[in-house]
């Protein structure tokens, strides 16, 4: 086992039950993404993502055979939500995203774990953990965590054009580090595409992502550049002006106006 925190994650009753269910069906599953990132940071994950190399119909069949409650509202994206021992699991078939523009994507299923990892946004969100504690880390996500670095997988501009929400996810995940190490050139590129994002992202989606920023371990980081005398980040003013222009009072009064309170 690479880290005791990963042992604690795997030792949860609900997680052990998940692995047992699929092992009994002779199917391979791994935990993936945020639950591993959070475990390595010493944070107890609320929702747990799971990757599996079988199609969603077979996932549903396994869950039904084991009398597990599930929801299939994200079926077209290969995801099934299951609840095992009061723990929510998002079980997603290995896939590739193709013809991805803005937020829209088409998908094809794959049995290649690396291709599944390749579609994810950041290196720290692309780690997999097997039932025996093997950490599968194609893009050095654990190293980036240790270095307080949030790094896109592959070319940042290509990844932003695929899904503009990644701009705001980037700023949210700066909040997992006490002192994030900003990669040279990132801020300029993120600023360049921020205004474009408003053509693809709803105000509601923006607001939900910003609210998540307040709940990070270091909530100043998404909104302020601590290394530049706590200078407010450019995306904040752009988004505030967008909410004003679109008369989105909910985003202003219950979201962005809270940002200045963080400094008091």
C-alpha atoms as a PDB file:
ATOM      1  CA  UNK A   1       0.000   0.000   0.000  1.00  0.00           C
ATOM      2  CA  UNK A   2       1.477   3.322  -1.084  1.00  0.00           C
ATOM      3  CA  UNK A   3      -0.222   5.445   1.567  1.00  0.00           C
ATOM      4  CA  UNK A   4      -2.112   4.778   4.804  1.00  0.00           C
ATOM      5  CA  UNK A   5      -4.806   7.235   3.692  1.00  0.00           C
ATOM      6  CA  UNK A   6      -5.538   4.995   0.709  1.00  0.00           C
ATOM      7  CA  UNK A   7      -5.779   2.021   3.050  1.00  0.00           C
ATOM      8  CA  UNK A   8      -8.408   3.889   5.073  1.00  0.00           C
ATOM      9  CA  UNK A   9     -10.389   4.572   1.904  1.00  0.00           C
ATOM     10  CA  UNK A  10     -10.276   0.942   0.803  1.00  0.00           C
ATOM     11  CA  UNK A  11     -11.164  -0.226   4.312  1.00  0.00           C
ATOM     12  CA  UNK A  12     -14.547   1.498   4.343  1.00  0.00           C
ATOM     13  CA  UNK A  13     -17.332  -1.068   4.626  1.00  0.00           C
ATOM     14  CA  UNK A  14     -19.165   0.372   1.641  1.00  0.00           C
ATOM     15  CA  UNK A  15     -16.041   0.322  -0.542  1.00  0.00           C
ATOM     16  CA  UNK A  16     -15.202  -3.247   0.447  1.00  0.00           C
ATOM     17  CA  UNK A  17     -18.772  -4.257  -0.406  1.00  0.00           C
ATOM     18  CA  UNK A  18     -18.517  -2.572  -3.799  1.00  0.00           C
ATOM     19  CA  UNK A  19     -15.346  -4.472  -4.676  1.00  0.00           C
ATOM     20  CA  UNK A  20     -16.802  -7.751  -3.386  1.00  0.00           C
ATOM     21  CA  UNK A  21     -19.900  -7.375  -5.551  1.00  0.00           C
ATOM     22  CA  UNK A  22     -17.929  -6.918  -8.757  1.00  0.00           C
ATOM     23  CA  UNK A  23     -15.271  -9.460  -7.789  1.00  0.00           C
ATOM     24  CA  UNK A  24     -17.990 -12.085  -7.333  1.00  0.00           C
ATOM     25  CA  UNK A  25     -19.151 -11.230 -10.845  1.00  0.00           C
ATOM     26  CA  UNK A  26     -15.543 -11.540 -12.083  1.00  0.00           C
ATOM     27  CA  UNK A  27     -15.510  -7.896 -13.170  1.00  0.00           C
ATOM     28  CA  UNK A  28     -12.716  -5.360 -12.684  1.00  0.00           C
ATOM     29  CA  UNK A  29     -13.439  -2.016 -11.022  1.00  0.00           C
ATOM     30  CA  UNK A  30     -11.247   0.750  -9.624  1.00  0.00           C
ATOM     31  CA  UNK A  31     -11.908   3.821  -7.552  1.00  0.00           C
ATOM     32  CA  UNK A  32     -11.013   6.923  -9.534  1.00  0.00           C
ATOM     33  CA  UNK A  33     -10.576  10.651  -9.320  1.00  0.00           C
ATOM     34  CA  UNK A  34     -11.602  12.867  -6.453  1.00  0.00           C
ATOM     35  CA  UNK A  35     -11.893  10.241  -3.724  1.00  0.00           C
ATOM     36  CA  UNK A  36      -8.241   9.263  -4.264  1.00  0.00           C
ATOM     37  CA  UNK A  37      -7.100  12.880  -4.487  1.00  0.00           C
ATOM     38  CA  UNK A  38      -8.954  13.707  -1.283  1.00  0.00           C
ATOM     39  CA  UNK A  39      -7.656  10.632   0.532  1.00  0.00           C
ATOM     40  CA  UNK A  40      -4.075  11.588  -0.287  1.00  0.00           C
ATOM     41  CA  UNK A  41      -4.833  15.066   1.092  1.00  0.00           C
ATOM     42  CA  UNK A  42      -6.315  13.619   4.276  1.00  0.00           C
ATOM     43  CA  UNK A  43      -9.898  14.547   3.348  1.00  0.00           C
ATOM     44  CA  UNK A  44     -12.804  12.127   3.766  1.00  0.00           C
ATOM     45  CA  UNK A  45     -14.561  11.863   0.395  1.00  0.00           C
ATOM     46  CA  UNK A  46     -18.359  12.177   0.405  1.00  0.00           C
ATOM     47  CA  UNK A  47     -19.108  10.799  -3.054  1.00  0.00           C
ATOM     48  CA  UNK A  48     -16.955   8.113  -4.610  1.00  0.00           C
ATOM     49  CA  UNK A  49     -16.349   7.672  -8.329  1.00  0.00           C
ATOM     50  CA  UNK A  50     -15.761   4.232  -9.760  1.00  0.00           C
ATOM     51  CA  UNK A  51     -14.455   3.147 -13.168  1.00  0.00           C
ATOM     52  CA  UNK A  52     -15.444  -0.190 -14.677  1.00  0.00           C
ATOM     53  CA  UNK A  53     -14.608  -1.884 -17.980  1.00  0.00           C
ATOM     54  CA  UNK A  54     -18.116  -3.180 -18.717  1.00  0.00           C
ATOM     55  CA  UNK A  55     -21.007  -1.388 -20.425  1.00  0.00           C
ATOM     56  CA  UNK A  56     -23.730   0.291 -18.323  1.00  0.00           C
ATOM     57  CA  UNK A  57     -26.346  -2.394 -19.069  1.00  0.00           C
ATOM     58  CA  UNK A  58     -24.102  -4.995 -17.449  1.00  0.00           C
ATOM     59  CA  UNK A  59     -23.464  -2.693 -14.483  1.00  0.00           C
ATOM     60  CA  UNK A  60     -27.218  -2.395 -13.969  1.00  0.00           C
ATOM     61  CA  UNK A  61     -27.623  -6.154 -14.230  1.00  0.00           C
ATOM     62  CA  UNK A  62     -24.977  -6.695 -11.532  1.00  0.00           C
ATOM     63  CA  UNK A  63     -26.593  -4.130  -9.252  1.00  0.00           C
ATOM     64  CA  UNK A  64     -30.031  -5.699  -9.717  1.00  0.00           C
ATOM     65  CA  UNK A  65     -28.645  -9.170  -9.006  1.00  0.00           C
ATOM     66  CA  UNK A  66     -27.267  -7.850  -5.738  1.00  0.00           C
ATOM     67  CA  UNK A  67     -30.414  -5.870  -4.860  1.00  0.00           C
ATOM     68  CA  UNK A  68     -28.522  -2.549  -4.911  1.00  0.00           C
ATOM     69  CA  UNK A  69     -30.528   0.641  -5.319  1.00  0.00           C
ATOM     70  CA  UNK A  70     -29.405   2.635  -8.357  1.00  0.00           C
ATOM     71  CA  UNK A  71     -30.324   5.556 -10.622  1.00  0.00           C
ATOM     72  CA  UNK A  72     -29.527   5.758 -14.322  1.00  0.00           C
ATOM     73  CA  UNK A  73     -30.176   9.443 -15.119  1.00  0.00           C
ATOM     74  CA  UNK A  74     -26.633   9.734 -16.590  1.00  0.00           C
ATOM     75  CA  UNK A  75     -26.901   6.487 -18.537  1.00  0.00           C
ATOM     76  CA  UNK A  76     -26.133   8.171 -21.886  1.00  0.00           C
ATOM     77  CA  UNK A  77     -22.731   9.157 -20.480  1.00  0.00           C
ATOM     78  CA  UNK A  78     -22.073   5.641 -19.235  1.00  0.00           C
ATOM     79  CA  UNK A  79     -22.725   6.466 -15.571  1.00  0.00           C
ATOM     80  CA  UNK A  80     -24.885   4.684 -13.038  1.00  0.00           C
ATOM     81  CA  UNK A  81     -25.332   5.970  -9.476  1.00  0.00           C
ATOM     82  CA  UNK A  82     -25.529   3.218  -6.846  1.00  0.00           C
ATOM     83  CA  UNK A  83     -26.028   3.397  -3.086  1.00  0.00           C
ATOM     84  CA  UNK A  84     -24.235   0.737  -1.050  1.00  0.00           C
ATOM     85  CA  UNK A  85     -24.403   0.883   2.748  1.00  0.00           C
ATOM     86  CA  UNK A  86     -25.535   4.532   2.618  1.00  0.00           C
ATOM     87  CA  UNK A  87     -22.574   5.485   0.421  1.00  0.00           C
ATOM     88  CA  UNK A  88     -23.192   6.954  -3.038  1.00  0.00           C
ATOM     89  CA  UNK A  89     -21.041   5.594  -5.860  1.00  0.00           C
ATOM     90  CA  UNK A  90     -20.902   7.001  -9.391  1.00  0.00           C
ATOM     91  CA  UNK A  91     -20.021   3.967 -11.507  1.00  0.00           C
ATOM     92  CA  UNK A  92     -18.866   4.926 -15.006  1.00  0.00           C
ATOM     93  CA  UNK A  93     -17.853   2.707 -17.893  1.00  0.00           C
ATOM     94  CA  UNK A  94     -14.397   3.395 -19.322  1.00  0.00           C
ATOM     95  CA  UNK A  95     -14.895   5.786 -22.211  1.00  0.00           C
ATOM     96  CA  UNK A  96     -13.423   8.252 -24.643  1.00  0.00           C
ATOM     97  CA  UNK A  97     -15.002  11.660 -25.266  1.00  0.00           C
ATOM     98  CA  UNK A  98     -15.129  12.562 -28.950  1.00  0.00           C
ATOM     99  CA  UNK A  99     -16.253  15.656 -30.876  1.00  0.00           C
ATOM    100  CA  UNK A 100     -16.231  17.495 -27.575  1.00  0.00           C
ATOM    101  CA  UNK A 101     -16.999  21.216 -27.885  1.00  0.00           C
ATOM    102  CA  UNK A 102     -17.864  23.639 -25.088  1.00  0.00           C
ATOM    103  CA  UNK A 103     -19.791  21.215 -22.879  1.00  0.00           C
ATOM    104  CA  UNK A 104     -21.260  18.802 -25.403  1.00  0.00           C
ATOM    105  CA  UNK A 105     -19.595  15.467 -26.040  1.00  0.00           C
ATOM    106  CA  UNK A 106     -20.174  12.172 -27.800  1.00  0.00           C
ATOM    107  CA  UNK A 107     -18.763   9.077 -26.172  1.00  0.00           C
ATOM    108  CA  UNK A 108     -17.468   5.675 -27.152  1.00  0.00           C
ATOM    109  CA  UNK A 109     -16.765   2.921 -24.671  1.00  0.00           C
ATOM    110  CA  UNK A 110     -13.311   1.430 -24.328  1.00  0.00           C
ATOM    111  CA  UNK A 111     -11.476  -1.208 -22.320  1.00  0.00           C
ATOM    112  CA  UNK A 112      -8.329   0.912 -22.236  1.00  0.00           C
ATOM    113  CA  UNK A 113      -7.814   2.440 -18.788  1.00  0.00           C
ATOM    114  CA  UNK A 114      -5.262   4.951 -20.050  1.00  0.00           C
ATOM    115  CA  UNK A 115      -7.681   6.299 -22.669  1.00  0.00           C
ATOM    116  CA  UNK A 116     -10.237   6.792 -19.923  1.00  0.00           C
ATOM    117  CA  UNK A 117      -7.655   8.683 -17.883  1.00  0.00           C
ATOM    118  CA  UNK A 118      -6.729  10.783 -20.921  1.00  0.00           C
ATOM    119  CA  UNK A 119     -10.196  12.357 -21.115  1.00  0.00           C
ATOM    120  CA  UNK A 120     -10.053  13.700 -17.562  1.00  0.00           C
ATOM    121  CA  UNK A 121      -9.205  17.303 -16.746  1.00  0.00           C
ATOM    122  CA  UNK A 122      -6.309  17.383 -14.273  1.00  0.00           C
ATOM    123  CA  UNK A 123      -3.541  14.948 -13.395  1.00  0.00           C
ATOM    124  CA  UNK A 124      -4.690  14.899  -9.760  1.00  0.00           C
ATOM    125  CA  UNK A 125      -8.141  13.714 -10.900  1.00  0.00           C
ATOM    126  CA  UNK A 126      -6.901  10.893 -13.119  1.00  0.00           C
ATOM    127  CA  UNK A 127      -5.609   8.371 -10.579  1.00  0.00           C
ATOM    128  CA  UNK A 128      -7.143   4.901 -10.167  1.00  0.00           C
ATOM    129  CA  UNK A 129      -7.051   2.643  -7.122  1.00  0.00           C
ATOM    130  CA  UNK A 130      -7.610  -1.107  -7.288  1.00  0.00           C
ATOM    131  CA  UNK A 131      -8.995  -3.261  -4.473  1.00  0.00           C
ATOM    132  CA  UNK A 132      -5.504  -4.513  -3.592  1.00  0.00           C
ATOM    133  CA  UNK A 133      -4.196  -0.959  -3.113  1.00  0.00           C
ATOM    134  CA  UNK A 134      -2.407  -0.555  -6.426  1.00  0.00           C
ATOM    135  CA  UNK A 135      -2.352   3.118  -7.403  1.00  0.00           C
ATOM    136  CA  UNK A 136      -2.510   3.563 -11.179  1.00  0.00           C
ATOM    137  CA  UNK A 137      -1.213   7.027 -11.995  1.00  0.00           C
ATOM    138  CA  UNK A 138      -0.613   7.574 -15.730  1.00  0.00           C
ATOM    139  CA  UNK A 139       0.070  11.320 -15.525  1.00  0.00           C
ATOM    140  CA  UNK A 140       1.954  11.712 -12.218  1.00  0.00           C
ATOM    141  CA  UNK A 141      -1.003  13.085 -10.298  1.00  0.00           C
ATOM    142  CA  UNK A 142       0.418  12.050  -6.925  1.00  0.00           C
ATOM    143  CA  UNK A 143       3.637  13.925  -7.678  1.00  0.00           C
ATOM    144  CA  UNK A 144       1.651  17.028  -8.623  1.00  0.00           C
ATOM    145  CA  UNK A 145      -0.309  16.777  -5.367  1.00  0.00           C
ATOM    146  CA  UNK A 146       2.942  16.599  -3.424  1.00  0.00           C
ATOM    147  CA  UNK A 147       4.176  19.694  -5.297  1.00  0.00           C
ATOM    148  CA  UNK A 148       0.918  21.648  -4.753  1.00  0.00           C
ATOM    149  CA  UNK A 149       0.491  21.800  -8.518  1.00  0.00           C
ATOM    150  CA  UNK A 150      -2.744  21.703 -10.524  1.00  0.00           C
ATOM    151  CA  UNK A 151      -1.890  20.613 -14.044  1.00  0.00           C
ATOM    152  CA  UNK A 152      -4.113  19.962 -17.054  1.00  0.00           C
ATOM    153  CA  UNK A 153      -3.703  16.692 -18.892  1.00  0.00           C
ATOM    154  CA  UNK A 154      -2.309  17.500 -22.345  1.00  0.00           C
ATOM    155  CA  UNK A 155      -2.703  20.927 -23.962  1.00  0.00           C
ATOM    156  CA  UNK A 156      -4.567  23.377 -21.756  1.00  0.00           C
ATOM    157  CA  UNK A 157      -6.208  25.314 -24.608  1.00  0.00           C
ATOM    158  CA  UNK A 158      -7.537  22.136 -26.202  1.00  0.00           C
ATOM    159  CA  UNK A 159      -8.947  20.970 -22.867  1.00  0.00           C
ATOM    160  CA  UNK A 160     -10.674  24.291 -22.221  1.00  0.00           C
ATOM    161  CA  UNK A 161     -12.317  24.327 -25.668  1.00  0.00           C
ATOM    162  CA  UNK A 162     -13.657  20.835 -24.959  1.00  0.00           C
ATOM    163  CA  UNK A 163     -15.348  21.947 -21.749  1.00  0.00           C
ATOM    164  CA  UNK A 164     -15.311  25.561 -20.593  1.00  0.00           C
ATOM    165  CA  UNK A 165     -16.405  24.548 -17.099  1.00  0.00           C
ATOM    166  CA  UNK A 166     -12.806  23.423 -16.642  1.00  0.00           C
ATOM    167  CA  UNK A 167     -11.857  27.083 -16.244  1.00  0.00           C
ATOM    168  CA  UNK A 168     -13.911  27.310 -13.070  1.00  0.00           C
ATOM    169  CA  UNK A 169     -12.983  23.816 -11.926  1.00  0.00           C
ATOM    170  CA  UNK A 170      -9.352  24.890 -12.181  1.00  0.00           C
ATOM    171  CA  UNK A 171      -9.923  27.800  -9.824  1.00  0.00           C
ATOM    172  CA  UNK A 172     -11.982  25.623  -7.477  1.00  0.00           C
ATOM    173  CA  UNK A 173      -9.231  23.046  -7.188  1.00  0.00           C
ATOM    174  CA  UNK A 174      -6.658  25.706  -6.350  1.00  0.00           C
ATOM    175  CA  UNK A 175      -8.487  25.648  -3.042  1.00  0.00           C
ATOM    176  CA  UNK A 176      -7.183  22.178  -2.169  1.00  0.00           C
ATOM    177  CA  UNK A 177      -3.669  23.584  -1.710  1.00  0.00           C
ATOM    178  CA  UNK A 178      -2.468  25.932   1.003  1.00  0.00           C
ATOM    179  CA  UNK A 179       0.056  27.479  -1.388  1.00  0.00           C
ATOM    180  CA  UNK A 180      -0.672  26.364  -4.956  1.00  0.00           C
ATOM    181  CA  UNK A 181       2.193  26.442  -7.424  1.00  0.00           C
ATOM    182  CA  UNK A 182       0.820  28.155 -10.535  1.00  0.00           C
ATOM    183  CA  UNK A 183       2.143  26.791 -13.821  1.00  0.00           C
ATOM    184  CA  UNK A 184       3.683  29.445 -16.029  1.00  0.00           C
ATOM    185  CA  UNK A 185       1.268  30.701 -18.692  1.00  0.00           C
ATOM    186  CA  UNK A 186      -1.898  29.212 -17.215  1.00  0.00           C
ATOM    187  CA  UNK A 187      -3.416  32.463 -15.929  1.00  0.00           C
ATOM    188  CA  UNK A 188      -3.092  34.180 -19.305  1.00  0.00           C
ATOM    189  CA  UNK A 189      -4.743  31.281 -21.134  1.00  0.00           C
ATOM    190  CA  UNK A 190      -7.553  30.926 -18.596  1.00  0.00           C
ATOM    191  CA  UNK A 191      -8.235  34.653 -18.797  1.00  0.00           C
ATOM    192  CA  UNK A 192      -8.245  34.481 -22.602  1.00  0.00           C
ATOM    193  CA  UNK A 193     -11.046  31.901 -22.648  1.00  0.00           C
ATOM    194  CA  UNK A 194     -13.058  32.975 -19.618  1.00  0.00           C
ATOM    195  CA  UNK A 195     -15.353  35.335 -21.532  1.00  0.00           C
ATOM    196  CA  UNK A 196     -16.027  32.656 -24.167  1.00  0.00           C
ATOM    197  CA  UNK A 197     -17.258  30.325 -21.461  1.00  0.00           C
ATOM    198  CA  UNK A 198     -20.388  32.397 -20.844  1.00  0.00           C
ATOM    199  CA  UNK A 199     -21.725  31.352 -24.254  1.00  0.00           C
ATOM    200  CA  UNK A 200     -21.638  27.697 -23.190  1.00  0.00           C
ATOM    201  CA  UNK A 201     -22.266  27.661 -19.434  1.00  0.00           C
ATOM    202  CA  UNK A 202     -25.578  28.504 -17.799  1.00  0.00           C
ATOM    203  CA  UNK A 203     -25.680  30.973 -14.928  1.00  0.00           C
ATOM    204  CA  UNK A 204     -26.975  28.194 -12.693  1.00  0.00           C
ATOM    205  CA  UNK A 205     -24.016  25.952 -13.537  1.00  0.00           C
ATOM    206  CA  UNK A 206     -21.569  28.812 -12.926  1.00  0.00           C
ATOM    207  CA  UNK A 207     -23.161  29.593  -9.587  1.00  0.00           C
ATOM    208  CA  UNK A 208     -23.024  25.953  -8.468  1.00  0.00           C
ATOM    209  CA  UNK A 209     -19.325  25.737  -9.325  1.00  0.00           C
ATOM    210  CA  UNK A 210     -18.535  28.986  -7.506  1.00  0.00           C
ATOM    211  CA  UNK A 211     -20.416  27.838  -4.402  1.00  0.00           C
ATOM    212  CA  UNK A 212     -18.205  24.744  -4.324  1.00  0.00           C
ATOM    213  CA  UNK A 213     -15.173  27.049  -4.158  1.00  0.00           C
ATOM    214  CA  UNK A 214     -16.323  28.394  -0.792  1.00  0.00           C
ATOM    215  CA  UNK A 215     -16.206  24.855   0.618  1.00  0.00           C
ATOM    216  CA  UNK A 216     -12.607  24.071  -0.294  1.00  0.00           C
ATOM    217  CA  UNK A 217      -9.896  23.739   2.331  1.00  0.00           C
ATOM    218  CA  UNK A 218      -8.361  27.100   1.342  1.00  0.00           C
ATOM    219  CA  UNK A 219     -11.262  29.155  -0.074  1.00  0.00           C
ATOM    220  CA  UNK A 220      -9.234  32.322  -0.636  1.00  0.00           C
ATOM    221  CA  UNK A 221      -7.187  30.680  -3.379  1.00  0.00           C
ATOM    222  CA  UNK A 222      -9.940  30.366  -6.017  1.00  0.00           C
ATOM    223  CA  UNK A 223     -10.801  34.066  -5.730  1.00  0.00           C
ATOM    224  CA  UNK A 224      -7.536  35.816  -4.852  1.00  0.00           C
ATOM    225  CA  UNK A 225      -3.915  35.531  -5.914  1.00  0.00           C
ATOM    226  CA  UNK A 226      -2.295  35.193  -2.511  1.00  0.00           C
ATOM    227  CA  UNK A 227       1.174  35.565  -4.010  1.00  0.00           C
ATOM    228  CA  UNK A 228       0.263  39.023  -5.396  1.00  0.00           C
ATOM    229  CA  UNK A 229      -0.874  40.705  -2.197  1.00  0.00           C
ATOM    230  CA  UNK A 230      -4.267  38.984  -2.330  1.00  0.00           C
ATOM    231  CA  UNK A 231      -5.175  40.530  -5.669  1.00  0.00           C
ATOM    232  CA  UNK A 232      -8.633  39.488  -6.874  1.00  0.00           C
ATOM    233  CA  UNK A 233      -8.505  37.079  -9.803  1.00  0.00           C
ATOM    234  CA  UNK A 234      -9.662  38.381 -13.177  1.00  0.00           C
ATOM    235  CA  UNK A 235     -12.330  35.703 -13.645  1.00  0.00           C
ATOM    236  CA  UNK A 236     -14.214  37.055 -10.637  1.00  0.00           C
ATOM    237  CA  UNK A 237     -14.797  40.487 -12.180  1.00  0.00           C
ATOM    238  CA  UNK A 238     -15.656  38.997 -15.576  1.00  0.00           C
ATOM    239  CA  UNK A 239     -18.253  36.696 -14.023  1.00  0.00           C
ATOM    240  CA  UNK A 240     -19.681  39.446 -11.858  1.00  0.00           C
ATOM    241  CA  UNK A 241     -20.155  41.677 -14.910  1.00  0.00           C
ATOM    242  CA  UNK A 242     -21.769  38.779 -16.773  1.00  0.00           C
ATOM    243  CA  UNK A 243     -24.239  38.225 -13.931  1.00  0.00           C
ATOM    244  CA  UNK A 244     -25.030  41.957 -13.923  1.00  0.00           C
ATOM    245  CA  UNK A 245     -25.532  42.015 -17.696  1.00  0.00           C
ATOM    246  CA  UNK A 246     -27.849  38.989 -17.531  1.00  0.00           C
ATOM    247  CA  UNK A 247     -29.626  40.277 -14.415  1.00  0.00           C
ATOM    248  CA  UNK A 248     -28.772  37.120 -12.482  1.00  0.00           C
ATOM    249  CA  UNK A 249     -29.452  38.420  -8.981  1.00  0.00           C
ATOM    250  CA  UNK A 250     -29.174  34.991  -7.380  1.00  0.00           C
ATOM    251  CA  UNK A 251     -25.573  34.710  -8.549  1.00  0.00           C
ATOM    252  CA  UNK A 252     -24.761  38.218  -7.358  1.00  0.00           C
ATOM    253  CA  UNK A 253     -26.492  38.365  -4.000  1.00  0.00           C
ATOM    254  CA  UNK A 254     -25.946  34.812  -2.807  1.00  0.00           C
ATOM    255  CA  UNK A 255     -22.653  34.047  -4.484  1.00  0.00           C
ATOM    256  CA  UNK A 256     -20.227  36.631  -5.835  1.00  0.00           C
ATOM    257  CA  UNK A 257     -21.006  39.310  -3.251  1.00  0.00           C
ATOM    258  CA  UNK A 258     -19.814  36.842  -0.595  1.00  0.00           C
ATOM    259  CA  UNK A 259     -16.302  36.865  -2.005  1.00  0.00           C
ATOM    260  CA  UNK A 260     -15.291  40.191  -0.447  1.00  0.00           C
ATOM    261  CA  UNK A 261     -16.423  38.871   2.939  1.00  0.00           C
ATOM    262  CA  UNK A 262     -13.623  36.309   2.788  1.00  0.00           C
ATOM    263  CA  UNK A 263     -11.081  39.095   3.164  1.00  0.00           C
ATOM    264  CA  UNK A 264     -12.720  40.542   6.287  1.00  0.00           C
END
